[in-house]
N, C-alpha and C. Protein backbone atom coordinates (compact mmCIF):
# COMPACT_ATOMS: atom_id res chain seq x y z
N MET A 1 86.84 97.08 124.96
CA MET A 1 87.54 97.98 123.81
C MET A 1 87.59 97.44 122.30
N LYS A 2 87.47 98.12 121.32
CA LYS A 2 87.37 97.62 119.78
C LYS A 2 89.21 97.83 119.55
N LYS A 3 89.75 97.12 118.85
CA LYS A 3 90.85 97.29 118.17
C LYS A 3 90.83 97.27 116.80
N ILE A 4 91.64 98.42 116.73
CA ILE A 4 91.66 98.65 115.04
C ILE A 4 93.37 98.43 114.64
N ILE A 5 93.76 97.63 113.62
CA ILE A 5 94.84 97.41 113.10
C ILE A 5 95.27 98.02 111.82
N VAL A 6 96.27 98.74 111.89
CA VAL A 6 96.60 99.58 110.71
C VAL A 6 98.37 98.88 110.49
N VAL A 7 98.07 98.32 108.94
CA VAL A 7 99.34 98.14 108.41
C VAL A 7 99.99 99.04 107.56
N GLY A 8 101.01 99.46 107.96
CA GLY A 8 101.53 100.55 106.96
C GLY A 8 101.33 101.50 107.84
N ASN A 9 102.55 102.30 108.22
CA ASN A 9 102.83 103.60 109.19
C ASN A 9 103.70 104.41 107.86
N GLY A 10 102.84 104.62 106.68
CA GLY A 10 103.20 105.62 105.76
C GLY A 10 102.52 106.86 105.99
N MET A 11 102.21 107.88 104.71
CA MET A 11 101.84 109.17 105.13
C MET A 11 100.44 108.58 105.41
N VAL A 12 99.79 107.99 104.50
CA VAL A 12 98.44 107.48 104.35
C VAL A 12 97.97 106.46 106.21
N GLY A 13 98.75 105.95 106.51
CA GLY A 13 98.64 105.35 108.23
C GLY A 13 98.67 106.53 108.90
N TYR A 14 99.48 107.08 108.91
CA TYR A 14 99.44 108.21 109.67
C TYR A 14 98.09 109.12 109.68
N LYS A 15 97.83 109.80 108.39
CA LYS A 15 96.71 110.56 108.53
C LYS A 15 95.63 109.96 108.56
N PHE A 16 95.35 108.45 108.78
CA PHE A 16 94.38 107.79 108.99
C PHE A 16 94.13 107.96 110.85
N CYS A 17 95.53 107.60 111.11
CA CYS A 17 95.35 107.99 112.90
C CYS A 17 95.24 109.16 113.26
N GLU A 18 95.72 110.21 112.35
CA GLU A 18 95.60 111.47 112.88
C GLU A 18 94.26 111.75 112.72
N LYS A 19 93.32 111.83 111.73
CA LYS A 19 92.01 112.03 111.59
C LYS A 19 91.06 111.04 112.93
N PHE A 20 91.58 109.91 112.73
CA PHE A 20 90.51 109.02 113.67
C PHE A 20 90.63 109.68 115.18
N VAL A 21 91.94 109.63 115.82
CA VAL A 21 92.06 110.19 116.92
C VAL A 21 90.99 111.52 117.31
N ALA A 22 90.89 112.24 116.18
CA ALA A 22 90.46 113.56 116.42
C ALA A 22 88.58 113.30 116.31
N GLN A 23 88.08 112.49 116.41
CA GLN A 23 86.85 111.76 116.44
C GLN A 23 86.48 111.74 117.88
N GLU A 24 85.28 111.79 117.70
CA GLU A 24 85.06 112.12 119.43
C GLU A 24 84.45 110.75 120.15
N ASN A 25 84.56 109.20 119.41
CA ASN A 25 84.44 108.31 120.15
C ASN A 25 85.50 107.52 120.02
N ALA A 26 86.74 108.35 119.64
CA ALA A 26 88.01 107.35 119.44
C ALA A 26 88.56 107.22 120.70
N GLU A 27 88.54 107.68 122.06
CA GLU A 27 88.32 106.67 123.24
C GLU A 27 88.29 105.69 122.98
N ASN A 28 86.90 104.65 122.16
CA ASN A 28 86.35 103.44 122.55
C ASN A 28 87.20 102.53 121.70
N PHE A 29 88.56 103.03 121.30
CA PHE A 29 89.15 101.85 120.17
C PHE A 29 90.39 102.40 120.85
N LYS A 30 91.42 101.00 120.39
CA LYS A 30 92.87 100.84 120.63
C LYS A 30 93.38 100.70 119.28
N ILE A 31 94.35 101.62 118.66
CA ILE A 31 94.98 101.33 117.89
C ILE A 31 96.09 100.94 117.34
N ILE A 32 96.82 99.92 116.78
CA ILE A 32 98.21 99.37 116.69
C ILE A 32 98.43 99.46 115.07
N ILE A 33 99.38 100.45 115.26
CA ILE A 33 99.84 100.43 113.75
C ILE A 33 101.42 100.10 113.88
N PHE A 34 101.72 99.30 112.58
CA PHE A 34 102.75 98.46 112.27
C PHE A 34 103.26 99.35 110.74
N GLY A 35 104.65 99.44 111.22
CA GLY A 35 105.38 100.05 110.28
C GLY A 35 106.93 99.00 110.07
N GLU A 36 107.08 98.68 108.38
CA GLU A 36 108.22 97.71 108.22
C GLU A 36 109.46 98.52 108.65
N GLU A 37 109.43 100.48 108.23
CA GLU A 37 110.82 100.99 108.60
C GLU A 37 111.07 101.23 110.21
N PRO A 38 112.32 101.42 110.63
CA PRO A 38 112.45 101.33 111.74
C PRO A 38 112.00 103.10 112.61
N ARG A 39 111.69 103.48 112.08
CA ARG A 39 111.13 105.05 112.35
C ARG A 39 109.41 105.25 112.36
N PRO A 40 108.95 106.45 112.86
CA PRO A 40 107.54 106.75 112.42
C PRO A 40 107.67 107.19 111.05
N ALA A 41 106.20 107.39 110.91
CA ALA A 41 105.70 107.71 109.34
C ALA A 41 106.86 109.22 108.97
N TYR A 42 107.01 109.22 108.03
CA TYR A 42 107.78 110.65 107.23
C TYR A 42 107.42 110.96 105.96
N ASP A 43 107.35 112.32 105.46
CA ASP A 43 107.14 112.67 104.46
C ASP A 43 107.93 112.23 103.43
N ARG A 44 107.78 111.19 102.54
CA ARG A 44 108.03 110.67 101.34
C ARG A 44 108.08 111.54 100.06
N VAL A 45 107.15 112.50 99.89
CA VAL A 45 107.35 113.67 99.00
C VAL A 45 108.20 114.42 98.76
N HIS A 46 108.86 114.56 100.06
CA HIS A 46 110.18 116.11 100.05
C HIS A 46 111.32 114.99 100.70
N LEU A 47 111.32 113.67 100.46
CA LEU A 47 112.50 113.00 100.71
C LEU A 47 113.82 113.73 100.06
N SER A 48 113.60 114.17 98.82
CA SER A 48 114.69 114.87 98.00
C SER A 48 115.58 115.71 98.56
N GLU A 49 114.67 116.61 99.24
CA GLU A 49 115.00 117.66 100.02
C GLU A 49 115.71 117.58 101.29
N PHE A 50 115.92 115.97 101.76
CA PHE A 50 116.75 115.68 102.78
C PHE A 50 118.09 115.86 102.36
N PHE A 51 118.39 115.55 101.22
CA PHE A 51 119.80 115.05 100.86
C PHE A 51 120.19 116.53 100.36
N GLU A 52 119.55 117.36 100.50
CA GLU A 52 119.98 118.74 100.21
C GLU A 52 120.55 119.26 101.88
N ASN A 53 119.59 119.31 102.93
CA ASN A 53 120.09 119.80 104.15
C ASN A 53 120.27 118.93 105.52
N GLN A 54 120.32 117.85 104.84
CA GLN A 54 120.32 116.47 105.95
C GLN A 54 119.50 116.52 107.14
N ASN A 55 118.35 116.80 107.23
CA ASN A 55 117.70 117.04 108.22
C ASN A 55 116.62 116.13 108.20
N ALA A 56 116.51 114.61 108.92
CA ALA A 56 115.42 113.89 108.98
C ALA A 56 114.40 113.97 109.91
N LYS A 57 114.82 114.96 110.73
CA LYS A 57 113.59 115.47 111.59
C LYS A 57 112.81 116.43 110.93
N ALA A 58 112.95 116.97 109.69
CA ALA A 58 112.01 117.81 109.07
C ALA A 58 110.66 117.11 108.21
N LEU A 59 111.44 116.01 107.83
CA LEU A 59 110.44 114.85 107.29
C LEU A 59 109.59 114.07 108.25
N GLU A 60 109.86 114.39 109.15
CA GLU A 60 108.65 113.36 110.44
C GLU A 60 107.07 114.14 110.33
N MET A 61 106.45 113.27 110.13
CA MET A 61 104.94 113.59 110.15
C MET A 61 104.49 113.90 111.46
N ALA A 62 105.26 113.03 112.55
CA ALA A 62 104.91 113.29 114.08
C ALA A 62 105.95 112.24 114.61
N PRO A 63 106.33 112.87 115.73
CA PRO A 63 107.41 112.18 116.38
C PRO A 63 106.74 110.89 117.23
N ALA A 64 107.67 110.12 117.51
CA ALA A 64 107.08 108.76 118.06
C ALA A 64 106.42 109.11 119.59
N THR A 65 106.53 110.12 119.87
CA THR A 65 105.51 110.22 121.13
C THR A 65 104.55 110.72 120.69
N TRP A 66 104.11 111.40 119.84
CA TRP A 66 102.82 111.71 119.23
C TRP A 66 101.80 110.40 119.25
N TYR A 67 102.11 109.39 119.02
CA TYR A 67 101.53 108.10 119.03
C TYR A 67 101.11 107.82 120.28
N ALA A 68 102.15 107.94 121.20
CA ALA A 68 101.76 107.06 122.56
C ALA A 68 100.85 108.22 123.24
N ASP A 69 100.92 109.30 123.03
CA ASP A 69 100.41 110.62 123.72
C ASP A 69 98.81 110.67 123.35
N ASN A 70 98.50 110.27 121.96
CA ASN A 70 97.17 109.67 121.67
C ASN A 70 96.60 108.13 121.67
N GLY A 71 97.45 107.60 122.23
CA GLY A 71 96.79 105.97 122.78
C GLY A 71 97.02 105.46 121.60
N ILE A 72 98.12 105.48 120.64
CA ILE A 72 98.19 104.59 119.69
C ILE A 72 99.46 103.84 119.82
N GLU A 73 99.65 102.40 119.93
CA GLU A 73 100.59 101.67 119.82
C GLU A 73 101.32 101.58 118.53
N LEU A 74 102.65 102.02 118.53
CA LEU A 74 103.25 102.04 117.46
C LEU A 74 104.40 101.36 117.45
N ILE A 75 104.20 100.23 116.26
CA ILE A 75 105.54 99.00 116.45
C ILE A 75 106.01 99.11 114.90
N THR A 76 107.40 99.40 114.86
CA THR A 76 108.06 99.69 114.10
C THR A 76 109.20 98.64 113.84
N GLY A 77 109.79 98.74 112.58
CA GLY A 77 110.46 97.60 112.34
C GLY A 77 109.91 96.25 112.39
N GLU A 78 108.81 95.87 111.87
CA GLU A 78 108.08 94.78 111.74
C GLU A 78 107.09 94.81 110.31
N ARG A 79 107.79 93.86 109.64
CA ARG A 79 107.10 93.45 108.14
C ARG A 79 105.50 92.46 108.80
N VAL A 80 104.46 92.87 108.29
CA VAL A 80 103.10 92.16 108.46
C VAL A 80 103.10 91.69 107.10
N ALA A 81 103.16 90.21 107.98
CA ALA A 81 103.05 89.06 106.24
C ALA A 81 101.66 88.67 106.11
N ASP A 82 101.02 88.28 107.36
CA ASP A 82 99.50 87.58 107.63
C ASP A 82 98.69 88.26 108.67
N ILE A 83 97.82 88.28 108.40
CA ILE A 83 96.76 88.83 109.46
C ILE A 83 95.82 87.63 109.76
N ASN A 84 95.76 87.14 111.29
CA ASN A 84 94.93 86.46 111.95
C ASN A 84 93.62 87.50 112.39
N ARG A 85 92.67 86.96 111.86
CA ARG A 85 91.23 87.72 112.33
C ARG A 85 90.79 87.02 113.75
N THR A 86 91.22 86.04 114.27
CA THR A 86 90.40 85.64 115.29
C THR A 86 90.85 86.08 116.56
């Protein structure tokens, strides 16, 4: 099984995972996604709306369980500084 490492669990990292798992050969790959923030991807575009209604759940792109349900290993709270490709 080949690995795909995604650095950055923002909107683009999440959308990549969403589109990739929809591919018919996705099960041949193991996706590991790293995010520096302590929570799964959220909609930064509408972040100002959070301050109006204080509903952080409404900003989630997907809950943490979505990643596991799709065979994706989500690692939050980790900053990636270097990549060892060996």
